[in-house]
C-alpha atoms as a PDB file:
ATOM      1  CA  UNK A   1     -86.034 266.189 -33.953  1.00  0.00           C
ATOM      2  CA  UNK A   2     -84.183 269.280 -35.193  1.00  0.00           C
ATOM      3  CA  UNK A   3     -85.725 271.885 -32.927  1.00  0.00           C
ATOM      4  CA  UNK A   4     -85.290 274.894 -35.569  1.00  0.00           C
ATOM      5  CA  UNK A   5     -87.754 273.365 -37.749  1.00  0.00           C
ATOM      6  CA  UNK A   6     -90.126 274.794 -34.903  1.00  0.00           C
ATOM      7  CA  UNK A   7     -92.181 278.005 -35.620  1.00  0.00           C
ATOM      8  CA  UNK A   8     -93.457 280.502 -33.082  1.00  0.00           C
ATOM      9  CA  UNK A   9     -96.116 279.879 -31.566  1.00  0.00           C
ATOM     10  CA  UNK A  10     -96.020 276.460 -31.603  1.00  0.00           C
ATOM     11  CA  UNK A  11     -96.920 275.140 -28.415  1.00  0.00           C
ATOM     12  CA  UNK A  12     -93.507 272.848 -27.952  1.00  0.00           C
ATOM     13  CA  UNK A  13     -91.241 276.203 -29.253  1.00  0.00           C
ATOM     14  CA  UNK A  14     -90.282 277.182 -25.561  1.00  0.00           C
ATOM     15  CA  UNK A  15     -89.299 273.826 -24.482  1.00  0.00           C
ATOM     16  CA  UNK A  16     -87.508 273.580 -28.330  1.00  0.00           C
ATOM     17  CA  UNK A  17     -85.298 276.195 -27.039  1.00  0.00           C
ATOM     18  CA  UNK A  18     -83.628 274.381 -24.650  1.00  0.00           C
ATOM     19  CA  UNK A  19     -79.978 273.191 -24.899  1.00  0.00           C
ATOM     20  CA  UNK A  20     -79.134 272.287 -21.198  1.00  0.00           C
ATOM     21  CA  UNK A  21     -80.486 269.829 -19.457  1.00  0.00           C
ATOM     22  CA  UNK A  22     -79.641 268.457 -15.729  1.00  0.00           C
ATOM     23  CA  UNK A  23     -81.104 265.775 -13.943  1.00  0.00           C
ATOM     24  CA  UNK A  24     -80.903 265.285 -10.076  1.00  0.00           C
ATOM     25  CA  UNK A  25     -80.929 262.115  -8.369  1.00  0.00           C
ATOM     26  CA  UNK A  26     -82.212 263.276  -4.867  1.00  0.00           C
ATOM     27  CA  UNK A  27     -80.694 261.327  -1.725  1.00  0.00           C
ATOM     28  CA  UNK A  28     -80.841 262.611   2.041  1.00  0.00           C
ATOM     29  CA  UNK A  29     -79.743 265.727   3.214  1.00  0.00           C
ATOM     30  CA  UNK A  30     -76.345 265.025   3.950  1.00  0.00           C
ATOM     31  CA  UNK A  31     -76.101 264.468   0.349  1.00  0.00           C
ATOM     32  CA  UNK A  32     -73.925 261.272   0.298  1.00  0.00           C
ATOM     33  CA  UNK A  33     -76.302 259.442  -2.361  1.00  0.00           C
ATOM     34  CA  UNK A  34     -77.385 262.810  -4.307  1.00  0.00           C
ATOM     35  CA  UNK A  35     -76.199 263.005  -7.409  1.00  0.00           C
ATOM     36  CA  UNK A  36     -75.876 265.081 -10.682  1.00  0.00           C
ATOM     37  CA  UNK A  37     -76.082 264.899 -14.506  1.00  0.00           C
ATOM     38  CA  UNK A  38     -75.601 267.810 -17.232  1.00  0.00           C
ATOM     39  CA  UNK A  39     -76.389 267.029 -21.065  1.00  0.00           C
ATOM     40  CA  UNK A  40     -75.244 269.635 -23.650  1.00  0.00           C
ATOM     41  CA  UNK A  41     -77.036 270.230 -26.954  1.00  0.00           C
ATOM     42  CA  UNK A  42     -74.399 271.365 -29.556  1.00  0.00           C
ATOM     43  CA  UNK A  43     -74.587 273.987 -32.213  1.00  0.00           C
ATOM     44  CA  UNK A  44     -73.547 270.803 -34.558  1.00  0.00           C
ATOM     45  CA  UNK A  45     -76.811 268.444 -33.088  1.00  0.00           C
ATOM     46  CA  UNK A  46     -74.810 266.507 -31.121  1.00  0.00           C
ATOM     47  CA  UNK A  47     -75.978 265.216 -27.050  1.00  0.00           C
ATOM     48  CA  UNK A  48     -72.989 265.298 -24.902  1.00  0.00           C
ATOM     49  CA  UNK A  49     -72.959 264.017 -21.498  1.00  0.00           C
ATOM     50  CA  UNK A  50     -70.336 266.859 -19.785  1.00  0.00           C
ATOM     51  CA  UNK A  51     -70.847 266.045 -15.938  1.00  0.00           C
ATOM     52  CA  UNK A  52     -72.227 262.933 -13.894  1.00  0.00           C
ATOM     53  CA  UNK A  53     -71.039 263.036 -10.185  1.00  0.00           C
ATOM     54  CA  UNK A  54     -72.005 262.490  -6.946  1.00  0.00           C
ATOM     55  CA  UNK A  55     -69.103 265.161  -5.514  1.00  0.00           C
ATOM     56  CA  UNK A  56     -68.853 268.914  -6.484  1.00  0.00           C
ATOM     57  CA  UNK A  57     -65.399 269.336  -7.093  1.00  0.00           C
ATOM     58  CA  UNK A  58     -65.011 265.887  -7.922  1.00  0.00           C
ATOM     59  CA  UNK A  59     -62.868 265.351 -11.400  1.00  0.00           C
ATOM     60  CA  UNK A  60     -63.212 269.448 -12.583  1.00  0.00           C
ATOM     61  CA  UNK A  61     -66.469 269.650 -11.430  1.00  0.00           C
ATOM     62  CA  UNK A  62     -65.811 272.907  -9.772  1.00  0.00           C
ATOM     63  CA  UNK A  63     -64.232 274.415  -6.467  1.00  0.00           C
ATOM     64  CA  UNK A  64     -65.241 273.655  -2.935  1.00  0.00           C
ATOM     65  CA  UNK A  65     -64.262 275.307  -0.289  1.00  0.00           C
ATOM     66  CA  UNK A  66     -63.472 273.176   3.053  1.00  0.00           C
ATOM     67  CA  UNK A  67     -63.526 274.088   6.549  1.00  0.00           C
ATOM     68  CA  UNK A  68     -59.795 275.499   6.232  1.00  0.00           C
ATOM     69  CA  UNK A  69     -60.534 277.663   3.524  1.00  0.00           C
ATOM     70  CA  UNK A  70     -58.778 275.189   0.842  1.00  0.00           C
ATOM     71  CA  UNK A  71     -60.442 275.106  -2.170  1.00  0.00           C
ATOM     72  CA  UNK A  72     -59.558 271.585  -3.470  1.00  0.00           C
ATOM     73  CA  UNK A  73     -61.686 270.407  -1.405  1.00  0.00           C
ATOM     74  CA  UNK A  74     -64.708 267.944  -2.599  1.00  0.00           C
ATOM     75  CA  UNK A  75     -68.143 267.891  -1.239  1.00  0.00           C
ATOM     76  CA  UNK A  76     -71.227 265.699  -1.363  1.00  0.00           C
ATOM     77  CA  UNK A  77     -74.520 267.592  -2.926  1.00  0.00           C
ATOM     78  CA  UNK A  78     -75.692 268.442   0.426  1.00  0.00           C
ATOM     79  CA  UNK A  79     -78.739 271.429   0.237  1.00  0.00           C
ATOM     80  CA  UNK A  80     -76.077 274.649   0.038  1.00  0.00           C
ATOM     81  CA  UNK A  81     -73.901 272.758  -2.625  1.00  0.00           C
ATOM     82  CA  UNK A  82     -76.997 271.411  -4.403  1.00  0.00           C
ATOM     83  CA  UNK A  83     -78.466 274.960  -4.696  1.00  0.00           C
ATOM     84  CA  UNK A  84     -75.117 276.602  -6.311  1.00  0.00           C
ATOM     85  CA  UNK A  85     -74.386 274.614  -7.934  1.00  0.00           C
ATOM     86  CA  UNK A  86     -77.675 274.603  -9.976  1.00  0.00           C
ATOM     87  CA  UNK A  87     -77.549 277.773  -9.729  1.00  0.00           C
ATOM     88  CA  UNK A  88     -73.983 278.206 -11.514  1.00  0.00           C
ATOM     89  CA  UNK A  89     -76.089 275.865 -14.265  1.00  0.00           C
ATOM     90  CA  UNK A  90     -79.642 276.997 -14.645  1.00  0.00           C
ATOM     91  CA  UNK A  91     -80.664 279.707 -17.354  1.00  0.00           C
ATOM     92  CA  UNK A  92     -83.298 280.578 -19.395  1.00  0.00           C
ATOM     93  CA  UNK A  93     -82.257 277.469 -21.965  1.00  0.00           C
ATOM     94  CA  UNK A  94     -81.618 275.213 -19.090  1.00  0.00           C
ATOM     95  CA  UNK A  95     -84.569 272.397 -17.684  1.00  0.00           C
ATOM     96  CA  UNK A  96     -84.197 270.556 -14.711  1.00  0.00           C
ATOM     97  CA  UNK A  97     -85.594 266.772 -13.651  1.00  0.00           C
ATOM     98  CA  UNK A  98     -85.752 265.796 -10.388  1.00  0.00           C
ATOM     99  CA  UNK A  99     -86.265 262.064  -9.538  1.00  0.00           C
ATOM    100  CA  UNK A 100     -88.296 262.911  -5.804  1.00  0.00           C
ATOM    101  CA  UNK A 101     -91.819 263.813  -5.593  1.00  0.00           C
ATOM    102  CA  UNK A 102     -92.268 267.751  -6.689  1.00  0.00           C
ATOM    103  CA  UNK A 103     -95.404 268.105  -5.251  1.00  0.00           C
ATOM    104  CA  UNK A 104     -97.119 266.325  -1.967  1.00  0.00           C
ATOM    105  CA  UNK A 105    -100.086 264.285  -2.080  1.00  0.00           C
ATOM    106  CA  UNK A 106    -103.969 266.116  -2.035  1.00  0.00           C
ATOM    107  CA  UNK A 107    -104.936 265.230   1.511  1.00  0.00           C
ATOM    108  CA  UNK A 108    -101.573 267.173   2.696  1.00  0.00           C
ATOM    109  CA  UNK A 109    -101.474 270.044   0.375  1.00  0.00           C
ATOM    110  CA  UNK A 110    -105.423 270.761   1.499  1.00  0.00           C
ATOM    111  CA  UNK A 111    -106.291 273.626   3.948  1.00  0.00           C
ATOM    112  CA  UNK A 112    -110.208 272.723   4.045  1.00  0.00           C
ATOM    113  CA  UNK A 113    -112.147 271.543   6.891  1.00  0.00           C
ATOM    114  CA  UNK A 114    -111.764 267.644   6.678  1.00  0.00           C
ATOM    115  CA  UNK A 115    -114.848 265.502   6.045  1.00  0.00           C
ATOM    116  CA  UNK A 116    -112.746 262.378   5.370  1.00  0.00           C
ATOM    117  CA  UNK A 117    -112.109 260.645   2.224  1.00  0.00           C
ATOM    118  CA  UNK A 118    -115.344 259.168   1.495  1.00  0.00           C
ATOM    119  CA  UNK A 119    -117.066 262.473   1.488  1.00  0.00           C
ATOM    120  CA  UNK A 120    -114.323 265.070   0.395  1.00  0.00           C
ATOM    121  CA  UNK A 121    -115.610 267.170  -3.071  1.00  0.00           C
ATOM    122  CA  UNK A 122    -111.784 267.989  -3.876  1.00  0.00           C
ATOM    123  CA  UNK A 123    -111.698 267.296  -7.291  1.00  0.00           C
ATOM    124  CA  UNK A 124    -108.672 265.078  -7.526  1.00  0.00           C
ATOM    125  CA  UNK A 125    -109.520 263.006  -4.132  1.00  0.00           C
ATOM    126  CA  UNK A 126    -112.689 262.568  -5.977  1.00  0.00           C
ATOM    127  CA  UNK A 127    -111.362 261.222  -8.975  1.00  0.00           C
ATOM    128  CA  UNK A 128    -108.788 258.859  -7.005  1.00  0.00           C
ATOM    129  CA  UNK A 129    -111.804 257.414  -5.073  1.00  0.00           C
ATOM    130  CA  UNK A 130    -113.390 256.804  -8.380  1.00  0.00           C
ATOM    131  CA  UNK A 131    -110.509 255.275  -9.985  1.00  0.00           C
ATOM    132  CA  UNK A 132    -108.344 254.221  -7.731  1.00  0.00           C
ATOM    133  CA  UNK A 133    -109.085 250.582  -6.399  1.00  0.00           C
ATOM    134  CA  UNK A 134    -109.692 249.765  -9.582  1.00  0.00           C
ATOM    135  CA  UNK A 135    -106.175 251.145 -10.892  1.00  0.00           C
ATOM    136  CA  UNK A 136    -104.315 249.702  -8.152  1.00  0.00           C
ATOM    137  CA  UNK A 137    -102.821 246.310  -8.706  1.00  0.00           C
ATOM    138  CA  UNK A 138    -102.510 243.970  -5.809  1.00  0.00           C
ATOM    139  CA  UNK A 139     -99.560 241.770  -6.604  1.00  0.00           C
ATOM    140  CA  UNK A 140     -98.372 240.406  -3.610  1.00  0.00           C
ATOM    141  CA  UNK A 141    -100.137 242.478  -0.664  1.00  0.00           C
ATOM    142  CA  UNK A 142    -100.044 240.731   2.122  1.00  0.00           C
ATOM    143  CA  UNK A 143    -103.057 242.331   4.206  1.00  0.00           C
ATOM    144  CA  UNK A 144    -105.856 242.417   0.768  1.00  0.00           C
ATOM    145  CA  UNK A 145    -107.996 244.396   2.864  1.00  0.00           C
ATOM    146  CA  UNK A 146    -105.342 247.098   3.268  1.00  0.00           C
ATOM    147  CA  UNK A 147    -106.717 250.272   1.824  1.00  0.00           C
ATOM    148  CA  UNK A 148    -105.946 250.714  -1.515  1.00  0.00           C
ATOM    149  CA  UNK A 149    -106.271 254.466  -1.748  1.00  0.00           C
ATOM    150  CA  UNK A 150    -104.471 256.943   0.546  1.00  0.00           C
ATOM    151  CA  UNK A 151    -104.772 260.639  -0.473  1.00  0.00           C
ATOM    152  CA  UNK A 152    -102.437 261.678   2.506  1.00  0.00           C
ATOM    153  CA  UNK A 153     -99.367 259.474   0.867  1.00  0.00           C
ATOM    154  CA  UNK A 154    -100.534 259.314  -2.843  1.00  0.00           C
ATOM    155  CA  UNK A 155    -101.165 261.220  -5.934  1.00  0.00           C
ATOM    156  CA  UNK A 156    -102.569 260.614  -8.720  1.00  0.00           C
ATOM    157  CA  UNK A 157     -99.781 260.555 -10.984  1.00  0.00           C
ATOM    158  CA  UNK A 158     -98.595 256.787  -8.775  1.00  0.00           C
ATOM    159  CA  UNK A 159    -101.962 255.311  -9.788  1.00  0.00           C
ATOM    160  CA  UNK A 160    -102.180 255.883 -12.825  1.00  0.00           C
ATOM    161  CA  UNK A 161     -97.998 254.914 -13.587  1.00  0.00           C
ATOM    162  CA  UNK A 162     -99.172 251.805 -11.395  1.00  0.00           C
ATOM    163  CA  UNK A 163    -101.407 250.734 -13.692  1.00  0.00           C
ATOM    164  CA  UNK A 164     -99.335 251.423 -16.665  1.00  0.00           C
ATOM    165  CA  UNK A 165     -96.671 248.425 -14.672  1.00  0.00           C
ATOM    166  CA  UNK A 166     -93.875 251.321 -14.204  1.00  0.00           C
ATOM    167  CA  UNK A 167     -93.376 250.690 -10.407  1.00  0.00           C
ATOM    168  CA  UNK A 168     -93.744 254.353  -8.701  1.00  0.00           C
ATOM    169  CA  UNK A 169     -92.617 254.995  -4.898  1.00  0.00           C
ATOM    170  CA  UNK A 170     -95.524 256.644  -3.202  1.00  0.00           C
ATOM    171  CA  UNK A 171     -95.083 260.280  -2.825  1.00  0.00           C
ATOM    172  CA  UNK A 172     -94.724 259.513   1.103  1.00  0.00           C
ATOM    173  CA  UNK A 173     -94.828 255.804   1.030  1.00  0.00           C
ATOM    174  CA  UNK A 174     -92.470 254.199   3.377  1.00  0.00           C
ATOM    175  CA  UNK A 175     -89.257 256.036   3.455  1.00  0.00           C
ATOM    176  CA  UNK A 176     -90.174 258.529   1.036  1.00  0.00           C
ATOM    177  CA  UNK A 177     -91.315 260.942   3.791  1.00  0.00           C
ATOM    178  CA  UNK A 178     -87.837 262.784   4.434  1.00  0.00           C
ATOM    179  CA  UNK A 179     -87.012 263.009   0.553  1.00  0.00           C
ATOM    180  CA  UNK A 180     -90.343 264.576  -0.247  1.00  0.00           C
ATOM    181  CA  UNK A 181     -89.654 267.041   2.208  1.00  0.00           C
ATOM    182  CA  UNK A 182     -86.345 267.909   0.875  1.00  0.00           C
ATOM    183  CA  UNK A 183     -87.707 268.258  -2.739  1.00  0.00           C
ATOM    184  CA  UNK A 184     -90.489 270.731  -1.607  1.00  0.00           C
ATOM    185  CA  UNK A 185     -87.684 272.491   0.787  1.00  0.00           C
ATOM    186  CA  UNK A 186     -85.229 272.120  -2.995  1.00  0.00           C
ATOM    187  CA  UNK A 187     -88.343 273.261  -5.162  1.00  0.00           C
ATOM    188  CA  UNK A 188     -88.917 276.401  -2.917  1.00  0.00           C
ATOM    189  CA  UNK A 189     -85.011 277.530  -2.801  1.00  0.00           C
ATOM    190  CA  UNK A 190     -84.921 277.276  -6.408  1.00  0.00           C
ATOM    191  CA  UNK A 191     -88.103 279.087  -7.285  1.00  0.00           C
ATOM    192  CA  UNK A 192     -88.623 281.292  -9.359  1.00  0.00           C
ATOM    193  CA  UNK A 193     -85.383 280.332 -11.086  1.00  0.00           C
ATOM    194  CA  UNK A 194     -87.467 276.876 -11.413  1.00  0.00           C
ATOM    195  CA  UNK A 195     -90.680 276.467 -12.210  1.00  0.00           C
ATOM    196  CA  UNK A 196     -92.808 273.621 -12.426  1.00  0.00           C
ATOM    197  CA  UNK A 197     -94.069 271.701 -15.775  1.00  0.00           C
ATOM    198  CA  UNK A 198     -91.797 274.863 -17.257  1.00  0.00           C
ATOM    199  CA  UNK A 199     -88.199 274.598 -16.807  1.00  0.00           C
ATOM    200  CA  UNK A 200     -88.435 271.820 -13.747  1.00  0.00           C
ATOM    201  CA  UNK A 201     -90.122 268.471 -13.945  1.00  0.00           C
ATOM    202  CA  UNK A 202     -90.523 265.406 -11.966  1.00  0.00           C
ATOM    203  CA  UNK A 203     -89.165 261.959 -13.685  1.00  0.00           C
ATOM    204  CA  UNK A 204     -88.512 257.918 -12.458  1.00  0.00           C
ATOM    205  CA  UNK A 205     -85.673 256.844 -14.395  1.00  0.00           C
ATOM    206  CA  UNK A 206     -86.666 253.095 -13.663  1.00  0.00           C
ATOM    207  CA  UNK A 207     -90.326 254.572 -15.573  1.00  0.00           C
ATOM    208  CA  UNK A 208     -87.883 255.805 -18.180  1.00  0.00           C
ATOM    209  CA  UNK A 209     -86.062 252.910 -18.568  1.00  0.00           C
ATOM    210  CA  UNK A 210     -88.866 250.370 -18.854  1.00  0.00           C
ATOM    211  CA  UNK A 211     -90.553 252.542 -21.398  1.00  0.00           C
ATOM    212  CA  UNK A 212     -87.291 252.756 -23.512  1.00  0.00           C
ATOM    213  CA  UNK A 213     -86.248 248.947 -22.754  1.00  0.00           C
ATOM    214  CA  UNK A 214     -88.614 247.010 -20.734  1.00  0.00           C
ATOM    215  CA  UNK A 215     -89.034 245.652 -17.779  1.00  0.00           C
ATOM    216  CA  UNK A 216     -87.209 242.945 -18.113  1.00  0.00           C
ATOM    217  CA  UNK A 217     -83.834 244.771 -18.897  1.00  0.00           C
ATOM    218  CA  UNK A 218     -84.776 247.721 -16.519  1.00  0.00           C
ATOM    219  CA  UNK A 219     -84.660 244.648 -13.945  1.00  0.00           C
ATOM    220  CA  UNK A 220     -80.601 243.515 -14.756  1.00  0.00           C
ATOM    221  CA  UNK A 221     -79.792 247.464 -14.107  1.00  0.00           C
ATOM    222  CA  UNK A 222     -80.398 246.361 -10.402  1.00  0.00           C
ATOM    223  CA  UNK A 223     -79.863 242.473 -10.121  1.00  0.00           C
ATOM    224  CA  UNK A 224     -77.451 241.020 -10.116  1.00  0.00           C
ATOM    225  CA  UNK A 225     -73.690 240.649  -9.283  1.00  0.00           C
ATOM    226  CA  UNK A 226     -71.926 243.972  -9.535  1.00  0.00           C
ATOM    227  CA  UNK A 227     -70.164 243.738 -13.089  1.00  0.00           C
ATOM    228  CA  UNK A 228     -73.684 242.512 -14.318  1.00  0.00           C
ATOM    229  CA  UNK A 229     -75.160 245.503 -13.937  1.00  0.00           C
ATOM    230  CA  UNK A 230     -72.332 247.741 -14.366  1.00  0.00           C
ATOM    231  CA  UNK A 231     -72.380 245.990 -17.960  1.00  0.00           C
ATOM    232  CA  UNK A 232     -76.455 246.233 -18.319  1.00  0.00           C
ATOM    233  CA  UNK A 233     -76.389 249.660 -17.127  1.00  0.00           C
ATOM    234  CA  UNK A 234     -73.201 250.614 -19.822  1.00  0.00           C
ATOM    235  CA  UNK A 235     -75.211 248.724 -22.807  1.00  0.00           C
ATOM    236  CA  UNK A 236     -78.214 251.115 -21.845  1.00  0.00           C
ATOM    237  CA  UNK A 237     -76.313 254.127 -21.527  1.00  0.00           C
ATOM    238  CA  UNK A 238     -75.253 253.481 -25.007  1.00  0.00           C
ATOM    239  CA  UNK A 239     -78.366 252.700 -26.572  1.00  0.00           C
ATOM    240  CA  UNK A 240     -79.965 255.733 -25.016  1.00  0.00           C
ATOM    241  CA  UNK A 241     -79.076 258.161 -28.183  1.00  0.00           C
ATOM    242  CA  UNK A 242     -76.773 257.415 -31.610  1.00  0.00           C
ATOM    243  CA  UNK A 243     -73.911 259.467 -31.375  1.00  0.00           C
ATOM    244  CA  UNK A 244     -73.956 261.075 -27.884  1.00  0.00           C
ATOM    245  CA  UNK A 245     -70.938 262.100 -26.694  1.00  0.00           C
ATOM    246  CA  UNK A 246     -68.883 262.338 -23.449  1.00  0.00           C
ATOM    247  CA  UNK A 247     -66.931 265.303 -22.405  1.00  0.00           C
ATOM    248  CA  UNK A 248     -64.414 264.725 -19.104  1.00  0.00           C
ATOM    249  CA  UNK A 249     -66.692 261.684 -18.050  1.00  0.00           C
ATOM    250  CA  UNK A 250     -66.006 257.865 -18.083  1.00  0.00           C
ATOM    251  CA  UNK A 251     -68.970 255.715 -18.732  1.00  0.00           C
ATOM    252  CA  UNK A 252     -66.768 253.194 -17.057  1.00  0.00           C
ATOM    253  CA  UNK A 253     -67.396 255.423 -13.970  1.00  0.00           C
ATOM    254  CA  UNK A 254     -70.819 256.627 -14.235  1.00  0.00           C
ATOM    255  CA  UNK A 255     -72.230 253.291 -14.278  1.00  0.00           C
ATOM    256  CA  UNK A 256     -70.838 251.774 -11.338  1.00  0.00           C
ATOM    257  CA  UNK A 257     -73.124 254.115  -8.623  1.00  0.00           C
ATOM    258  CA  UNK A 258     -76.462 253.711  -9.728  1.00  0.00           C
ATOM    259  CA  UNK A 259     -77.360 257.240  -7.976  1.00  0.00           C
ATOM    260  CA  UNK A 260     -74.866 258.604 -10.806  1.00  0.00           C
ATOM    261  CA  UNK A 261     -76.239 256.798 -13.647  1.00  0.00           C
ATOM    262  CA  UNK A 262     -79.836 257.458 -12.666  1.00  0.00           C
ATOM    263  CA  UNK A 263     -79.047 261.078 -12.445  1.00  0.00           C
ATOM    264  CA  UNK A 264     -78.081 260.589 -16.137  1.00  0.00           C
ATOM    265  CA  UNK A 265     -81.399 258.788 -16.950  1.00  0.00           C
ATOM    266  CA  UNK A 266     -82.986 261.609 -15.097  1.00  0.00           C
ATOM    267  CA  UNK A 267     -81.022 263.911 -17.257  1.00  0.00           C
ATOM    268  CA  UNK A 268     -82.046 262.239 -20.967  1.00  0.00           C
ATOM    269  CA  UNK A 269     -85.537 262.273 -19.851  1.00  0.00           C
ATOM    270  CA  UNK A 270     -85.343 266.262 -19.865  1.00  0.00           C
ATOM    271  CA  UNK A 271     -83.475 266.232 -22.904  1.00  0.00           C
ATOM    272  CA  UNK A 272     -86.571 263.828 -24.380  1.00  0.00           C
ATOM    273  CA  UNK A 273     -89.359 265.441 -22.618  1.00  0.00           C
ATOM    274  CA  UNK A 274     -88.415 268.888 -24.520  1.00  0.00           C
ATOM    275  CA  UNK A 275     -87.238 267.449 -27.856  1.00  0.00           C
ATOM    276  CA  UNK A 276     -89.904 265.186 -27.939  1.00  0.00           C
ATOM    277  CA  UNK A 277     -92.549 267.187 -26.096  1.00  0.00           C
ATOM    278  CA  UNK A 278     -93.796 264.961 -23.707  1.00  0.00           C
ATOM    279  CA  UNK A 279     -97.644 265.394 -23.279  1.00  0.00           C
ATOM    280  CA  UNK A 280     -98.001 264.710 -19.689  1.00  0.00           C
ATOM    281  CA  UNK A 281    -100.894 261.709 -18.980  1.00  0.00           C
ATOM    282  CA  UNK A 282    -101.369 261.451 -22.537  1.00  0.00           C
ATOM    283  CA  UNK A 283     -98.221 259.703 -23.165  1.00  0.00           C
ATOM    284  CA  UNK A 284     -98.692 256.543 -21.088  1.00  0.00           C
ATOM    285  CA  UNK A 285    -101.658 255.638 -23.535  1.00  0.00           C
ATOM    286  CA  UNK A 286     -99.191 255.648 -26.454  1.00  0.00           C
ATOM    287  CA  UNK A 287     -99.156 252.020 -28.229  1.00  0.00           C
ATOM    288  CA  UNK A 288     -96.039 249.593 -27.280  1.00  0.00           C
ATOM    289  CA  UNK A 289     -93.124 249.788 -29.322  1.00  0.00           C
ATOM    290  CA  UNK A 290     -90.691 247.632 -27.010  1.00  0.00           C
ATOM    291  CA  UNK A 291     -91.967 244.033 -27.593  1.00  0.00           C
ATOM    292  CA  UNK A 292     -92.222 242.220 -24.384  1.00  0.00           C
ATOM    293  CA  UNK A 293     -91.796 238.885 -22.940  1.00  0.00           C
ATOM    294  CA  UNK A 294     -95.041 236.781 -22.746  1.00  0.00           C
ATOM    295  CA  UNK A 295     -94.431 237.074 -18.179  1.00  0.00           C
ATOM    296  CA  UNK A 296     -94.348 240.867 -18.809  1.00  0.00           C
ATOM    297  CA  UNK A 297     -95.629 242.527 -16.224  1.00  0.00           C
ATOM    298  CA  UNK A 298     -97.476 244.792 -18.556  1.00  0.00           C
ATOM    299  CA  UNK A 299     -99.023 241.768 -20.127  1.00  0.00           C
ATOM    300  CA  UNK A 300    -100.541 240.488 -17.377  1.00  0.00           C
ATOM    301  CA  UNK A 301    -101.785 243.497 -15.855  1.00  0.00           C
ATOM    302  CA  UNK A 302    -102.055 246.352 -19.076  1.00  0.00           C
ATOM    303  CA  UNK A 303    -105.567 247.476 -19.329  1.00  0.00           C
ATOM    304  CA  UNK A 304    -105.643 250.136 -22.355  1.00  0.00           C
ATOM    305  CA  UNK A 305    -109.569 251.270 -21.518  1.00  0.00           C
ATOM    306  CA  UNK A 306    -109.195 251.408 -17.860  1.00  0.00           C
ATOM    307  CA  UNK A 307    -106.167 253.829 -18.307  1.00  0.00           C
ATOM    308  CA  UNK A 308    -107.878 255.709 -21.286  1.00  0.00           C
ATOM    309  CA  UNK A 309    -110.669 256.171 -19.012  1.00  0.00           C
ATOM    310  CA  UNK A 310    -108.611 257.218 -15.587  1.00  0.00           C
ATOM    311  CA  UNK A 311    -106.554 259.557 -18.140  1.00  0.00           C
ATOM    312  CA  UNK A 312    -109.660 261.491 -19.692  1.00  0.00           C
ATOM    313  CA  UNK A 313    -111.955 262.131 -16.842  1.00  0.00           C
ATOM    314  CA  UNK A 314    -108.005 263.673 -14.739  1.00  0.00           C
ATOM    315  CA  UNK A 315    -108.125 266.271 -17.403  1.00  0.00           C
ATOM    316  CA  UNK A 316    -105.615 269.082 -16.425  1.00  0.00           C
ATOM    317  CA  UNK A 317    -105.836 268.135 -12.315  1.00  0.00           C
ATOM    318  CA  UNK A 318    -102.389 266.337 -13.193  1.00  0.00           C
ATOM    319  CA  UNK A 319    -101.313 270.068 -13.373  1.00  0.00           C
ATOM    320  CA  UNK A 320    -101.450 270.814  -9.668  1.00  0.00           C
ATOM    321  CA  UNK A 321    -102.003 267.504  -8.336  1.00  0.00           C
ATOM    322  CA  UNK A 322     -97.818 267.253  -9.906  1.00  0.00           C
ATOM    323  CA  UNK A 323     -96.938 264.912 -12.585  1.00  0.00           C
ATOM    324  CA  UNK A 324     -93.948 262.211 -12.741  1.00  0.00           C
ATOM    325  CA  UNK A 325     -93.010 262.154 -16.988  1.00  0.00           C
ATOM    326  CA  UNK A 326     -92.414 259.250 -18.662  1.00  0.00           C
ATOM    327  CA  UNK A 327     -91.853 258.907 -22.314  1.00  0.00           C
ATOM    328  CA  UNK A 328     -94.085 257.676 -25.019  1.00  0.00           C
ATOM    329  CA  UNK A 329     -92.964 254.404 -26.174  1.00  0.00           C
ATOM    330  CA  UNK A 330     -90.371 254.607 -28.884  1.00  0.00           C
ATOM    331  CA  UNK A 331     -87.967 251.938 -29.815  1.00  0.00           C
ATOM    332  CA  UNK A 332     -84.637 252.625 -28.426  1.00  0.00           C
ATOM    333  CA  UNK A 333     -81.571 251.379 -29.953  1.00  0.00           C
ATOM    334  CA  UNK A 334     -78.230 251.622 -31.612  1.00  0.00           C
ATOM    335  CA  UNK A 335     -79.848 252.537 -34.784  1.00  0.00           C
ATOM    336  CA  UNK A 336     -81.882 255.039 -33.121  1.00  0.00           C
ATOM    337  CA  UNK A 337     -81.690 258.820 -33.203  1.00  0.00           C
ATOM    338  CA  UNK A 338     -84.160 261.537 -31.848  1.00  0.00           C
END
């Protein structure tokens, strides 16, 4: 899509003006598993991957002083380093995508006296009570009596993405607490320069890859020998967009660290969010365009009417509750051009 074709007043006009797309694959506070990626949309219509790294100062990524004052050190993306790096690149034409929760579950956000989940009148919790049990896929649960609905660890977006077979992580599920806390801190630290749903979005790289390429190819980016997973990641990287260019970024290095690869997918998600004008929950209702094998999770659990009813009932509650942005499905391949 050529963003210059949009006219002032078009609801996608502000997004269409975006020219820089940043992805952050967020790890723990020490920064060792945090990576960033940066796409630039050039005037000639090329999408250029200008950065993809897990340390600032790495391969020309900027100078970082060490404890002795040397300007030739490298630093992992700890909080202070990540905030400084983002401050260097964020402007009015930048959108940033994090692959970590940018909002907390409704029970954690709530300041009202709690009557219990069964009696709660908070609209999004009432929605979860009505639709949650039907949305959850109970694949492989060891204890069928385990509650499917826990609004103190889940948001509406995770329930909907699970029904759409996009394998989300619960906001405060196992191992996610420290990551969600770090993301909450960073969102506050980066405000008001970054504003949720305006130039700051939450994404899930695995969900993006499943939507674009199918769950089988996405699994192959994580399972197999190192050489096999690197090769699959490299194939998908080359298929994201026709004519994508690399500026001092080597694809062979990008694919060797899953966090760096996911940062690139997050940044590409930000690009598509702006240029394709993703809409939110309605995007989950798009007709499949990727041919799924007979044993696909989507073929096994997909129920478009169930999903549509839940999306319709959610209305605009997702704007406050939070949303993991995923693409409407489009066939993606070497011949595809945005």
